[in-house]
C-alpha atoms as a PDB file:
ATOM      1  CA  UNK A   1    -120.320 -72.702  57.965  1.00  0.00           C
ATOM      2  CA  UNK A   2    -123.963 -73.062  56.952  1.00  0.00           C
ATOM      3  CA  UNK A   3    -126.250 -75.999  56.267  1.00  0.00           C
ATOM      4  CA  UNK A   4    -128.907 -75.120  53.698  1.00  0.00           C
ATOM      5  CA  UNK A   5    -131.313 -76.525  51.108  1.00  0.00           C
ATOM      6  CA  UNK A   6    -132.739 -75.130  47.888  1.00  0.00           C
ATOM      7  CA  UNK A   7    -135.970 -76.504  46.417  1.00  0.00           C
ATOM      8  CA  UNK A   8    -136.914 -76.152  42.752  1.00  0.00           C
ATOM      9  CA  UNK A   9    -140.677 -76.743  42.310  1.00  0.00           C
ATOM     10  CA  UNK A  10    -140.593 -77.692  38.638  1.00  0.00           C
ATOM     11  CA  UNK A  11    -143.441 -78.746  36.377  1.00  0.00           C
ATOM     12  CA  UNK A  12    -141.929 -82.189  35.827  1.00  0.00           C
ATOM     13  CA  UNK A  13    -139.987 -82.646  39.079  1.00  0.00           C
ATOM     14  CA  UNK A  14    -139.222 -81.080  42.435  1.00  0.00           C
ATOM     15  CA  UNK A  15    -135.458 -80.930  42.908  1.00  0.00           C
ATOM     16  CA  UNK A  16    -133.713 -80.710  46.286  1.00  0.00           C
ATOM     17  CA  UNK A  17    -130.128 -79.557  46.719  1.00  0.00           C
ATOM     18  CA  UNK A  18    -128.367 -79.216  50.053  1.00  0.00           C
ATOM     19  CA  UNK A  19    -125.021 -77.766  51.090  1.00  0.00           C
ATOM     20  CA  UNK A  20    -123.009 -77.962  54.294  1.00  0.00           C
ATOM     21  CA  UNK A  21    -120.626 -75.136  53.486  1.00  0.00           C
ATOM     22  CA  UNK A  22    -119.391 -76.444  50.093  1.00  0.00           C
ATOM     23  CA  UNK A  23    -120.132 -80.127  50.738  1.00  0.00           C
ATOM     24  CA  UNK A  24    -123.172 -81.500  48.894  1.00  0.00           C
ATOM     25  CA  UNK A  25    -125.494 -83.163  51.419  1.00  0.00           C
ATOM     26  CA  UNK A  26    -128.631 -83.521  49.296  1.00  0.00           C
ATOM     27  CA  UNK A  27    -129.017 -84.007  45.556  1.00  0.00           C
ATOM     28  CA  UNK A  28    -132.423 -85.418  44.688  1.00  0.00           C
ATOM     29  CA  UNK A  29    -135.289 -85.182  42.211  1.00  0.00           C
ATOM     30  CA  UNK A  30    -138.875 -86.330  42.858  1.00  0.00           C
ATOM     31  CA  UNK A  31    -141.632 -86.306  40.205  1.00  0.00           C
ATOM     32  CA  UNK A  32    -144.009 -83.391  40.719  1.00  0.00           C
ATOM     33  CA  UNK A  33    -147.015 -85.709  40.526  1.00  0.00           C
ATOM     34  CA  UNK A  34    -145.736 -87.606  43.575  1.00  0.00           C
ATOM     35  CA  UNK A  35    -145.302 -84.369  45.537  1.00  0.00           C
ATOM     36  CA  UNK A  36    -148.767 -83.160  44.535  1.00  0.00           C
ATOM     37  CA  UNK A  37    -150.419 -86.404  45.651  1.00  0.00           C
ATOM     38  CA  UNK A  38    -148.445 -86.742  48.902  1.00  0.00           C
ATOM     39  CA  UNK A  39    -146.743 -83.498  50.000  1.00  0.00           C
ATOM     40  CA  UNK A  40    -146.179 -84.947  53.481  1.00  0.00           C
ATOM     41  CA  UNK A  41    -143.644 -87.376  52.017  1.00  0.00           C
ATOM     42  CA  UNK A  42    -141.052 -84.599  51.720  1.00  0.00           C
ATOM     43  CA  UNK A  43    -141.130 -83.314  55.278  1.00  0.00           C
ATOM     44  CA  UNK A  44    -139.177 -86.252  56.755  1.00  0.00           C
ATOM     45  CA  UNK A  45    -136.515 -85.817  54.062  1.00  0.00           C
ATOM     46  CA  UNK A  46    -136.106 -82.161  54.955  1.00  0.00           C
ATOM     47  CA  UNK A  47    -136.065 -82.786  58.697  1.00  0.00           C
ATOM     48  CA  UNK A  48    -133.443 -85.523  58.368  1.00  0.00           C
ATOM     49  CA  UNK A  49    -131.135 -83.130  56.504  1.00  0.00           C
ATOM     50  CA  UNK A  50    -131.283 -80.774  59.519  1.00  0.00           C
ATOM     51  CA  UNK A  51    -130.899 -77.514  57.555  1.00  0.00           C
ATOM     52  CA  UNK A  52    -130.588 -74.067  59.088  1.00  0.00           C
ATOM     53  CA  UNK A  53    -132.497 -72.485  56.204  1.00  0.00           C
ATOM     54  CA  UNK A  54    -134.507 -73.783  53.251  1.00  0.00           C
ATOM     55  CA  UNK A  55    -135.525 -71.796  50.190  1.00  0.00           C
ATOM     56  CA  UNK A  56    -138.958 -73.229  49.453  1.00  0.00           C
ATOM     57  CA  UNK A  57    -141.422 -73.038  46.571  1.00  0.00           C
ATOM     58  CA  UNK A  58    -142.337 -69.375  46.079  1.00  0.00           C
ATOM     59  CA  UNK A  59    -144.524 -69.354  42.955  1.00  0.00           C
ATOM     60  CA  UNK A  60    -144.477 -65.820  41.551  1.00  0.00           C
ATOM     61  CA  UNK A  61    -142.789 -64.621  44.719  1.00  0.00           C
ATOM     62  CA  UNK A  62    -143.161 -62.184  47.592  1.00  0.00           C
ATOM     63  CA  UNK A  63    -140.476 -60.303  49.538  1.00  0.00           C
ATOM     64  CA  UNK A  64    -138.539 -62.677  51.819  1.00  0.00           C
ATOM     65  CA  UNK A  65    -140.770 -64.226  54.433  1.00  0.00           C
ATOM     66  CA  UNK A  66    -140.675 -67.266  56.699  1.00  0.00           C
ATOM     67  CA  UNK A  67    -143.269 -69.771  55.586  1.00  0.00           C
ATOM     68  CA  UNK A  68    -144.821 -69.926  59.051  1.00  0.00           C
ATOM     69  CA  UNK A  69    -145.859 -66.278  58.598  1.00  0.00           C
ATOM     70  CA  UNK A  70    -147.432 -66.763  55.172  1.00  0.00           C
ATOM     71  CA  UNK A  71    -151.008 -65.465  54.889  1.00  0.00           C
ATOM     72  CA  UNK A  72    -153.842 -66.402  52.538  1.00  0.00           C
ATOM     73  CA  UNK A  73    -153.152 -63.245  50.555  1.00  0.00           C
ATOM     74  CA  UNK A  74    -149.482 -64.243  50.250  1.00  0.00           C
ATOM     75  CA  UNK A  75    -150.524 -67.631  48.881  1.00  0.00           C
ATOM     76  CA  UNK A  76    -152.762 -65.922  46.324  1.00  0.00           C
ATOM     77  CA  UNK A  77    -149.947 -63.591  45.267  1.00  0.00           C
ATOM     78  CA  UNK A  78    -147.608 -66.550  44.882  1.00  0.00           C
ATOM     79  CA  UNK A  79    -150.074 -68.753  42.993  1.00  0.00           C
ATOM     80  CA  UNK A  80    -152.210 -66.161  41.141  1.00  0.00           C
ATOM     81  CA  UNK A  81    -154.950 -68.739  40.858  1.00  0.00           C
ATOM     82  CA  UNK A  82    -158.572 -67.673  40.553  1.00  0.00           C
ATOM     83  CA  UNK A  83    -161.165 -69.340  42.753  1.00  0.00           C
ATOM     84  CA  UNK A  84    -162.941 -70.656  39.647  1.00  0.00           C
ATOM     85  CA  UNK A  85    -159.781 -72.394  38.374  1.00  0.00           C
ATOM     86  CA  UNK A  86    -159.890 -75.763  40.095  1.00  0.00           C
ATOM     87  CA  UNK A  87    -157.481 -77.557  37.780  1.00  0.00           C
ATOM     88  CA  UNK A  88    -154.172 -76.021  38.816  1.00  0.00           C
ATOM     89  CA  UNK A  89    -151.854 -78.936  38.097  1.00  0.00           C
ATOM     90  CA  UNK A  90    -148.807 -78.168  40.222  1.00  0.00           C
ATOM     91  CA  UNK A  91    -150.350 -78.426  43.694  1.00  0.00           C
ATOM     92  CA  UNK A  92    -148.105 -75.602  44.931  1.00  0.00           C
ATOM     93  CA  UNK A  93    -150.683 -74.293  47.372  1.00  0.00           C
ATOM     94  CA  UNK A  94    -151.055 -77.666  49.047  1.00  0.00           C
ATOM     95  CA  UNK A  95    -147.303 -78.141  49.314  1.00  0.00           C
ATOM     96  CA  UNK A  96    -146.819 -74.683  50.843  1.00  0.00           C
ATOM     97  CA  UNK A  97    -149.591 -75.323  53.316  1.00  0.00           C
ATOM     98  CA  UNK A  98    -147.979 -78.647  54.261  1.00  0.00           C
ATOM     99  CA  UNK A  99    -144.576 -77.028  54.830  1.00  0.00           C
ATOM    100  CA  UNK A 100    -146.262 -74.328  56.884  1.00  0.00           C
ATOM    101  CA  UNK A 101    -147.671 -76.938  59.261  1.00  0.00           C
ATOM    102  CA  UNK A 102    -144.207 -78.294  60.115  1.00  0.00           C
ATOM    103  CA  UNK A 103    -141.562 -76.528  62.168  1.00  0.00           C
ATOM    104  CA  UNK A 104    -139.038 -76.193  59.350  1.00  0.00           C
ATOM    105  CA  UNK A 105    -136.894 -73.112  58.577  1.00  0.00           C
ATOM    106  CA  UNK A 106    -138.476 -72.599  55.148  1.00  0.00           C
ATOM    107  CA  UNK A 107    -138.447 -69.161  53.530  1.00  0.00           C
ATOM    108  CA  UNK A 108    -140.084 -67.895  50.352  1.00  0.00           C
ATOM    109  CA  UNK A 109    -138.298 -65.359  48.179  1.00  0.00           C
ATOM    110  CA  UNK A 110    -139.119 -62.686  45.579  1.00  0.00           C
ATOM    111  CA  UNK A 111    -139.228 -62.816  41.828  1.00  0.00           C
ATOM    112  CA  UNK A 112    -137.509 -60.423  39.421  1.00  0.00           C
ATOM    113  CA  UNK A 113    -140.349 -57.867  39.501  1.00  0.00           C
ATOM    114  CA  UNK A 114    -139.862 -57.328  43.263  1.00  0.00           C
ATOM    115  CA  UNK A 115    -136.210 -56.280  42.959  1.00  0.00           C
ATOM    116  CA  UNK A 116    -135.336 -52.589  43.352  1.00  0.00           C
ATOM    117  CA  UNK A 117    -132.571 -53.019  40.768  1.00  0.00           C
ATOM    118  CA  UNK A 118    -135.155 -53.340  37.970  1.00  0.00           C
ATOM    119  CA  UNK A 119    -136.347 -49.865  36.921  1.00  0.00           C
ATOM    120  CA  UNK A 120    -140.061 -49.268  37.480  1.00  0.00           C
ATOM    121  CA  UNK A 121    -140.691 -48.370  33.839  1.00  0.00           C
ATOM    122  CA  UNK A 122    -139.690 -51.897  32.801  1.00  0.00           C
ATOM    123  CA  UNK A 123    -142.304 -53.350  35.143  1.00  0.00           C
ATOM    124  CA  UNK A 124    -145.327 -51.577  33.646  1.00  0.00           C
ATOM    125  CA  UNK A 125    -148.070 -54.054  32.652  1.00  0.00           C
ATOM    126  CA  UNK A 126    -145.862 -56.949  33.732  1.00  0.00           C
ATOM    127  CA  UNK A 127    -146.267 -59.727  36.283  1.00  0.00           C
ATOM    128  CA  UNK A 128    -143.877 -62.484  35.214  1.00  0.00           C
ATOM    129  CA  UNK A 129    -140.420 -61.035  34.633  1.00  0.00           C
ATOM    130  CA  UNK A 130    -138.825 -64.169  36.039  1.00  0.00           C
ATOM    131  CA  UNK A 131    -140.165 -66.275  38.898  1.00  0.00           C
ATOM    132  CA  UNK A 132    -138.167 -66.985  42.101  1.00  0.00           C
ATOM    133  CA  UNK A 133    -136.832 -70.270  40.721  1.00  0.00           C
ATOM    134  CA  UNK A 134    -135.390 -68.325  37.779  1.00  0.00           C
ATOM    135  CA  UNK A 135    -133.901 -65.850  40.258  1.00  0.00           C
ATOM    136  CA  UNK A 136    -132.252 -68.825  41.978  1.00  0.00           C
ATOM    137  CA  UNK A 137    -130.715 -69.935  38.679  1.00  0.00           C
ATOM    138  CA  UNK A 138    -129.517 -66.360  38.262  1.00  0.00           C
ATOM    139  CA  UNK A 139    -127.768 -66.470  41.662  1.00  0.00           C
ATOM    140  CA  UNK A 140    -125.986 -69.637  40.559  1.00  0.00           C
ATOM    141  CA  UNK A 141    -124.993 -67.851  37.334  1.00  0.00           C
ATOM    142  CA  UNK A 142    -123.500 -64.932  39.298  1.00  0.00           C
ATOM    143  CA  UNK A 143    -121.419 -67.489  41.243  1.00  0.00           C
ATOM    144  CA  UNK A 144    -120.422 -69.255  38.027  1.00  0.00           C
ATOM    145  CA  UNK A 145    -119.231 -66.179  36.138  1.00  0.00           C
ATOM    146  CA  UNK A 146    -117.441 -64.760  39.159  1.00  0.00           C
ATOM    147  CA  UNK A 147    -115.551 -68.028  39.689  1.00  0.00           C
ATOM    148  CA  UNK A 148    -114.905 -68.672  35.978  1.00  0.00           C
ATOM    149  CA  UNK A 149    -113.651 -65.146  35.281  1.00  0.00           C
ATOM    150  CA  UNK A 150    -111.991 -64.487  38.625  1.00  0.00           C
ATOM    151  CA  UNK A 151    -114.048 -61.355  39.282  1.00  0.00           C
ATOM    152  CA  UNK A 152    -116.135 -60.019  42.170  1.00  0.00           C
ATOM    153  CA  UNK A 153    -119.855 -60.752  42.227  1.00  0.00           C
ATOM    154  CA  UNK A 154    -120.657 -57.093  41.571  1.00  0.00           C
ATOM    155  CA  UNK A 155    -118.623 -57.189  38.346  1.00  0.00           C
ATOM    156  CA  UNK A 156    -120.668 -59.926  36.673  1.00  0.00           C
ATOM    157  CA  UNK A 157    -122.521 -59.153  33.441  1.00  0.00           C
ATOM    158  CA  UNK A 158    -124.575 -61.670  31.485  1.00  0.00           C
ATOM    159  CA  UNK A 159    -127.930 -62.724  30.131  1.00  0.00           C
ATOM    160  CA  UNK A 160    -129.132 -66.036  31.506  1.00  0.00           C
ATOM    161  CA  UNK A 161    -131.390 -68.029  29.186  1.00  0.00           C
ATOM    162  CA  UNK A 162    -133.238 -70.912  30.824  1.00  0.00           C
ATOM    163  CA  UNK A 163    -135.067 -73.409  28.618  1.00  0.00           C
ATOM    164  CA  UNK A 164    -136.954 -75.639  31.008  1.00  0.00           C
ATOM    165  CA  UNK A 165    -139.421 -78.481  30.622  1.00  0.00           C
ATOM    166  CA  UNK A 166    -142.378 -76.079  30.734  1.00  0.00           C
ATOM    167  CA  UNK A 167    -141.130 -72.517  30.252  1.00  0.00           C
ATOM    168  CA  UNK A 168    -138.468 -70.471  28.499  1.00  0.00           C
ATOM    169  CA  UNK A 169    -137.214 -67.395  30.384  1.00  0.00           C
ATOM    170  CA  UNK A 170    -134.283 -64.970  30.376  1.00  0.00           C
ATOM    171  CA  UNK A 171    -132.760 -62.570  32.910  1.00  0.00           C
ATOM    172  CA  UNK A 172    -130.291 -59.708  32.371  1.00  0.00           C
ATOM    173  CA  UNK A 173    -127.614 -59.015  35.000  1.00  0.00           C
ATOM    174  CA  UNK A 174    -125.403 -55.924  35.069  1.00  0.00           C
ATOM    175  CA  UNK A 175    -122.795 -55.394  37.824  1.00  0.00           C
ATOM    176  CA  UNK A 176    -124.237 -58.332  39.730  1.00  0.00           C
ATOM    177  CA  UNK A 177    -127.729 -56.816  39.713  1.00  0.00           C
ATOM    178  CA  UNK A 178    -130.789 -58.022  37.863  1.00  0.00           C
ATOM    179  CA  UNK A 179    -131.901 -55.170  35.598  1.00  0.00           C
ATOM    180  CA  UNK A 180    -134.528 -56.836  33.412  1.00  0.00           C
ATOM    181  CA  UNK A 181    -136.217 -60.154  32.797  1.00  0.00           C
ATOM    182  CA  UNK A 182    -138.645 -62.027  30.580  1.00  0.00           C
ATOM    183  CA  UNK A 183    -140.601 -64.745  32.348  1.00  0.00           C
ATOM    184  CA  UNK A 184    -142.018 -67.976  31.021  1.00  0.00           C
ATOM    185  CA  UNK A 185    -145.498 -66.501  30.530  1.00  0.00           C
ATOM    186  CA  UNK A 186    -144.329 -63.210  29.020  1.00  0.00           C
ATOM    187  CA  UNK A 187    -141.789 -64.215  26.372  1.00  0.00           C
ATOM    188  CA  UNK A 188    -141.028 -66.910  23.823  1.00  0.00           C
ATOM    189  CA  UNK A 189    -142.942 -70.166  23.619  1.00  0.00           C
ATOM    190  CA  UNK A 190    -141.830 -72.933  25.972  1.00  0.00           C
ATOM    191  CA  UNK A 191    -141.866 -76.686  25.504  1.00  0.00           C
ATOM    192  CA  UNK A 192    -145.180 -76.900  27.379  1.00  0.00           C
ATOM    193  CA  UNK A 193    -146.037 -73.226  27.960  1.00  0.00           C
ATOM    194  CA  UNK A 194    -147.595 -70.994  25.323  1.00  0.00           C
ATOM    195  CA  UNK A 195    -145.505 -68.031  26.484  1.00  0.00           C
ATOM    196  CA  UNK A 196    -146.734 -64.517  25.682  1.00  0.00           C
ATOM    197  CA  UNK A 197    -149.876 -64.338  23.566  1.00  0.00           C
ATOM    198  CA  UNK A 198    -151.465 -61.727  21.340  1.00  0.00           C
ATOM    199  CA  UNK A 199    -153.688 -59.337  23.295  1.00  0.00           C
ATOM    200  CA  UNK A 200    -156.534 -59.872  20.830  1.00  0.00           C
ATOM    201  CA  UNK A 201    -156.265 -63.637  21.359  1.00  0.00           C
ATOM    202  CA  UNK A 202    -156.429 -63.134  25.124  1.00  0.00           C
ATOM    203  CA  UNK A 203    -159.582 -61.062  24.592  1.00  0.00           C
ATOM    204  CA  UNK A 204    -161.229 -63.756  22.471  1.00  0.00           C
ATOM    205  CA  UNK A 205    -160.272 -66.530  24.869  1.00  0.00           C
ATOM    206  CA  UNK A 206    -161.704 -64.556  27.808  1.00  0.00           C
ATOM    207  CA  UNK A 207    -161.123 -66.508  31.049  1.00  0.00           C
ATOM    208  CA  UNK A 208    -158.961 -69.605  30.769  1.00  0.00           C
ATOM    209  CA  UNK A 209    -157.159 -71.751  33.317  1.00  0.00           C
ATOM    210  CA  UNK A 210    -153.493 -72.249  34.065  1.00  0.00           C
ATOM    211  CA  UNK A 211    -153.697 -75.766  32.650  1.00  0.00           C
ATOM    212  CA  UNK A 212    -154.443 -74.220  29.252  1.00  0.00           C
ATOM    213  CA  UNK A 213    -151.363 -71.990  29.519  1.00  0.00           C
ATOM    214  CA  UNK A 214    -149.158 -75.039  30.089  1.00  0.00           C
ATOM    215  CA  UNK A 215    -150.622 -77.054  27.232  1.00  0.00           C
ATOM    216  CA  UNK A 216    -150.166 -74.822  24.190  1.00  0.00           C
ATOM    217  CA  UNK A 217    -146.381 -74.811  23.879  1.00  0.00           C
ATOM    218  CA  UNK A 218    -143.978 -76.153  21.282  1.00  0.00           C
ATOM    219  CA  UNK A 219    -145.024 -79.732  21.992  1.00  0.00           C
ATOM    220  CA  UNK A 220    -148.606 -78.916  20.992  1.00  0.00           C
ATOM    221  CA  UNK A 221    -147.332 -77.928  17.531  1.00  0.00           C
ATOM    222  CA  UNK A 222    -146.249 -81.537  16.954  1.00  0.00           C
ATOM    223  CA  UNK A 223    -149.787 -82.780  17.474  1.00  0.00           C
ATOM    224  CA  UNK A 224    -148.676 -85.389  19.999  1.00  0.00           C
ATOM    225  CA  UNK A 225    -147.120 -85.673  23.447  1.00  0.00           C
ATOM    226  CA  UNK A 226    -143.547 -86.066  22.272  1.00  0.00           C
ATOM    227  CA  UNK A 227    -140.660 -86.175  24.718  1.00  0.00           C
ATOM    228  CA  UNK A 228    -138.320 -83.151  24.760  1.00  0.00           C
ATOM    229  CA  UNK A 229    -135.590 -85.278  23.168  1.00  0.00           C
ATOM    230  CA  UNK A 230    -137.813 -85.871  20.139  1.00  0.00           C
ATOM    231  CA  UNK A 231    -138.612 -82.211  19.529  1.00  0.00           C
ATOM    232  CA  UNK A 232    -135.652 -81.894  17.136  1.00  0.00           C
ATOM    233  CA  UNK A 233    -137.492 -84.153  14.672  1.00  0.00           C
ATOM    234  CA  UNK A 234    -140.337 -81.639  14.339  1.00  0.00           C
ATOM    235  CA  UNK A 235    -139.067 -78.624  12.405  1.00  0.00           C
ATOM    236  CA  UNK A 236    -141.817 -76.104  13.183  1.00  0.00           C
ATOM    237  CA  UNK A 237    -141.937 -76.949  16.883  1.00  0.00           C
ATOM    238  CA  UNK A 238    -138.153 -76.862  17.260  1.00  0.00           C
ATOM    239  CA  UNK A 239    -137.895 -73.592  15.340  1.00  0.00           C
ATOM    240  CA  UNK A 240    -140.649 -71.972  17.412  1.00  0.00           C
ATOM    241  CA  UNK A 241    -138.919 -72.930  20.659  1.00  0.00           C
ATOM    242  CA  UNK A 242    -135.414 -71.917  19.589  1.00  0.00           C
ATOM    243  CA  UNK A 243    -136.365 -68.690  17.838  1.00  0.00           C
ATOM    244  CA  UNK A 244    -138.542 -67.674  20.777  1.00  0.00           C
ATOM    245  CA  UNK A 245    -135.604 -68.221  23.121  1.00  0.00           C
ATOM    246  CA  UNK A 246    -133.286 -66.209  20.875  1.00  0.00           C
ATOM    247  CA  UNK A 247    -135.815 -63.363  20.750  1.00  0.00           C
ATOM    248  CA  UNK A 248    -135.908 -63.326  24.567  1.00  0.00           C
ATOM    249  CA  UNK A 249    -132.169 -62.760  24.689  1.00  0.00           C
ATOM    250  CA  UNK A 250    -132.181 -60.188  21.889  1.00  0.00           C
ATOM    251  CA  UNK A 251    -134.977 -58.258  23.603  1.00  0.00           C
ATOM    252  CA  UNK A 252    -132.900 -58.002  26.776  1.00  0.00           C
ATOM    253  CA  UNK A 253    -129.979 -56.484  24.870  1.00  0.00           C
ATOM    254  CA  UNK A 254    -132.057 -53.284  24.865  1.00  0.00           C
ATOM    255  CA  UNK A 255    -131.212 -53.115  28.579  1.00  0.00           C
ATOM    256  CA  UNK A 256    -127.711 -54.629  28.569  1.00  0.00           C
ATOM    257  CA  UNK A 257    -124.741 -55.468  26.373  1.00  0.00           C
ATOM    258  CA  UNK A 258    -123.680 -58.655  28.214  1.00  0.00           C
ATOM    259  CA  UNK A 259    -120.204 -60.091  28.623  1.00  0.00           C
ATOM    260  CA  UNK A 260    -121.654 -63.581  28.210  1.00  0.00           C
ATOM    261  CA  UNK A 261    -124.836 -65.476  27.479  1.00  0.00           C
ATOM    262  CA  UNK A 262    -125.287 -68.382  29.878  1.00  0.00           C
ATOM    263  CA  UNK A 263    -127.699 -71.191  29.015  1.00  0.00           C
ATOM    264  CA  UNK A 264    -129.432 -73.502  31.467  1.00  0.00           C
ATOM    265  CA  UNK A 265    -132.510 -75.697  31.768  1.00  0.00           C
ATOM    266  CA  UNK A 266    -133.537 -79.233  30.908  1.00  0.00           C
ATOM    267  CA  UNK A 267    -134.006 -78.675  27.160  1.00  0.00           C
ATOM    268  CA  UNK A 268    -130.738 -76.777  26.754  1.00  0.00           C
ATOM    269  CA  UNK A 269    -128.969 -80.077  27.488  1.00  0.00           C
ATOM    270  CA  UNK A 270    -130.517 -81.740  24.434  1.00  0.00           C
ATOM    271  CA  UNK A 271    -127.598 -81.603  21.926  1.00  0.00           C
ATOM    272  CA  UNK A 272    -129.610 -80.496  18.889  1.00  0.00           C
ATOM    273  CA  UNK A 273    -131.298 -77.688  20.804  1.00  0.00           C
ATOM    274  CA  UNK A 274    -128.311 -76.558  22.878  1.00  0.00           C
ATOM    275  CA  UNK A 275    -125.980 -76.474  19.864  1.00  0.00           C
ATOM    276  CA  UNK A 276    -128.356 -74.416  17.725  1.00  0.00           C
ATOM    277  CA  UNK A 277    -128.998 -71.965  20.565  1.00  0.00           C
ATOM    278  CA  UNK A 278    -125.261 -71.438  21.047  1.00  0.00           C
ATOM    279  CA  UNK A 279    -124.696 -70.907  17.336  1.00  0.00           C
ATOM    280  CA  UNK A 280    -127.523 -68.379  16.992  1.00  0.00           C
ATOM    281  CA  UNK A 281    -126.671 -66.470  20.176  1.00  0.00           C
ATOM    282  CA  UNK A 282    -122.969 -66.181  19.426  1.00  0.00           C
ATOM    283  CA  UNK A 283    -123.732 -62.873  17.675  1.00  0.00           C
ATOM    284  CA  UNK A 284    -124.730 -61.398  21.055  1.00  0.00           C
ATOM    285  CA  UNK A 285    -121.757 -62.464  23.195  1.00  0.00           C
ATOM    286  CA  UNK A 286    -119.728 -65.585  23.974  1.00  0.00           C
ATOM    287  CA  UNK A 287    -122.151 -68.379  24.872  1.00  0.00           C
ATOM    288  CA  UNK A 288    -121.703 -71.317  27.234  1.00  0.00           C
ATOM    289  CA  UNK A 289    -123.676 -73.599  29.516  1.00  0.00           C
ATOM    290  CA  UNK A 290    -124.191 -72.578  33.133  1.00  0.00           C
ATOM    291  CA  UNK A 291    -121.934 -74.537  35.474  1.00  0.00           C
ATOM    292  CA  UNK A 292    -123.307 -75.677  38.791  1.00  0.00           C
ATOM    293  CA  UNK A 293    -121.562 -77.215  41.775  1.00  0.00           C
ATOM    294  CA  UNK A 294    -119.039 -79.887  40.875  1.00  0.00           C
ATOM    295  CA  UNK A 295    -120.686 -82.340  43.283  1.00  0.00           C
ATOM    296  CA  UNK A 296    -124.185 -81.869  41.797  1.00  0.00           C
ATOM    297  CA  UNK A 297    -125.330 -84.818  39.701  1.00  0.00           C
ATOM    298  CA  UNK A 298    -129.125 -84.625  39.789  1.00  0.00           C
ATOM    299  CA  UNK A 299    -130.647 -81.364  41.056  1.00  0.00           C
ATOM    300  CA  UNK A 300    -131.285 -78.661  38.475  1.00  0.00           C
ATOM    301  CA  UNK A 301    -129.685 -75.231  38.446  1.00  0.00           C
ATOM    302  CA  UNK A 302    -132.509 -73.482  40.273  1.00  0.00           C
ATOM    303  CA  UNK A 303    -132.314 -75.853  43.253  1.00  0.00           C
ATOM    304  CA  UNK A 304    -128.561 -75.260  43.430  1.00  0.00           C
ATOM    305  CA  UNK A 305    -129.129 -71.516  43.195  1.00  0.00           C
ATOM    306  CA  UNK A 306    -131.689 -71.738  45.963  1.00  0.00           C
ATOM    307  CA  UNK A 307    -129.014 -73.197  48.220  1.00  0.00           C
ATOM    308  CA  UNK A 308    -126.706 -70.323  47.225  1.00  0.00           C
ATOM    309  CA  UNK A 309    -129.330 -67.763  48.250  1.00  0.00           C
ATOM    310  CA  UNK A 310    -130.063 -69.636  51.491  1.00  0.00           C
ATOM    311  CA  UNK A 311    -126.356 -69.599  52.359  1.00  0.00           C
ATOM    312  CA  UNK A 312    -126.174 -65.896  51.551  1.00  0.00           C
ATOM    313  CA  UNK A 313    -129.140 -65.092  53.765  1.00  0.00           C
ATOM    314  CA  UNK A 314    -127.270 -66.789  56.631  1.00  0.00           C
ATOM    315  CA  UNK A 315    -124.222 -64.587  55.940  1.00  0.00           C
ATOM    316  CA  UNK A 316    -122.257 -67.531  54.600  1.00  0.00           C
ATOM    317  CA  UNK A 317    -119.709 -67.546  51.787  1.00  0.00           C
ATOM    318  CA  UNK A 318    -122.366 -66.381  49.288  1.00  0.00           C
ATOM    319  CA  UNK A 319    -123.549 -63.389  51.292  1.00  0.00           C
ATOM    320  CA  UNK A 320    -121.942 -61.204  48.622  1.00  0.00           C
ATOM    321  CA  UNK A 321    -124.254 -62.611  45.953  1.00  0.00           C
ATOM    322  CA  UNK A 322    -127.388 -61.848  47.976  1.00  0.00           C
ATOM    323  CA  UNK A 323    -126.001 -58.395  48.724  1.00  0.00           C
ATOM    324  CA  UNK A 324    -125.095 -57.645  45.083  1.00  0.00           C
ATOM    325  CA  UNK A 325    -128.503 -58.840  43.827  1.00  0.00           C
ATOM    326  CA  UNK A 326    -130.274 -56.853  46.591  1.00  0.00           C
ATOM    327  CA  UNK A 327    -132.612 -59.751  47.293  1.00  0.00           C
ATOM    328  CA  UNK A 328    -133.219 -58.593  50.873  1.00  0.00           C
ATOM    329  CA  UNK A 329    -134.380 -55.208  49.585  1.00  0.00           C
ATOM    330  CA  UNK A 330    -137.201 -56.676  47.477  1.00  0.00           C
ATOM    331  CA  UNK A 331    -140.569 -55.007  47.956  1.00  0.00           C
ATOM    332  CA  UNK A 332    -144.165 -54.829  46.728  1.00  0.00           C
ATOM    333  CA  UNK A 333    -146.307 -57.411  44.932  1.00  0.00           C
ATOM    334  CA  UNK A 334    -146.515 -58.840  41.445  1.00  0.00           C
ATOM    335  CA  UNK A 335    -149.698 -56.831  40.889  1.00  0.00           C
ATOM    336  CA  UNK A 336    -148.248 -53.391  41.589  1.00  0.00           C
ATOM    337  CA  UNK A 337    -147.676 -52.477  37.932  1.00  0.00           C
ATOM    338  CA  UNK A 338    -150.880 -53.722  36.274  1.00  0.00           C
ATOM    339  CA  UNK A 339    -154.455 -52.401  36.121  1.00  0.00           C
ATOM    340  CA  UNK A 340    -156.676 -53.336  39.111  1.00  0.00           C
ATOM    341  CA  UNK A 341    -157.345 -57.077  39.244  1.00  0.00           C
ATOM    342  CA  UNK A 342    -159.904 -58.933  41.325  1.00  0.00           C
ATOM    343  CA  UNK A 343    -158.089 -61.246  43.758  1.00  0.00           C
ATOM    344  CA  UNK A 344    -159.683 -64.665  43.723  1.00  0.00           C
END
């Protein structure tokens, strides 16, 4: 039996999900702004839960490492924030540094680009092929399909589409292994995130901050700060979000003919958006929503998936998922496949 916690460091909220074997011991969401202003407030919560292993915020990811061993270079590789960008809105660095100061069994994990199961040629000129939180959602999806279909973890085959509050991303899984991915900054437009942009536009914009990236999404098309639930009333914004998500999935069919398309994320639960996505993606494969743990009421899929990975790393009941996904074999950095970049 294992006692573990997964943390999802979202743009809108940080979610915490804990398991003692299969019993849910923590199911909580805290606004990101509260975490950013007072990261110390979380440490007592984590200590009280008495976990053996915690999957913590990992940004863009590094190969598995205990947070107490994290270096300044690791923090740069996870945050990819330039020294001249002082308006990073998520406060991830500060939270990681706070966790590092406390004697907690927190580990950071890789993103999709670090996995040996993704061919090198698909990584060329890429950084964001799916961040660690998306990899966590993917681990939950492997569990879901295996349980739903009564198959082994290494027989699973699907494309996971996650439409979150900020980003839209998709990951392709074949035989339980991630083989390709499109991250929130390299694919279709998100609710807040601008997604991939034209190279000529990037040239004209020159240097811009991360805050800009997370302010030019579908919501910006409406001309106001609408709530996700109101996006359906704005035709161009809704169409941009949905069609971008569909294109993500269709692009990944170049690498995989999936058995299923699984949908997750905050915006996928909005009826008008979820229904249209399912209708448009039905041409690819049967489509359904990702199922999490039956006892989960609050924490998002990525926090639940983080607990799955934590359990697997402790050789618990989900060790087969970690083994099939080859998470322990992750290597390299997110900058290994791009032209030389100045760090800082």
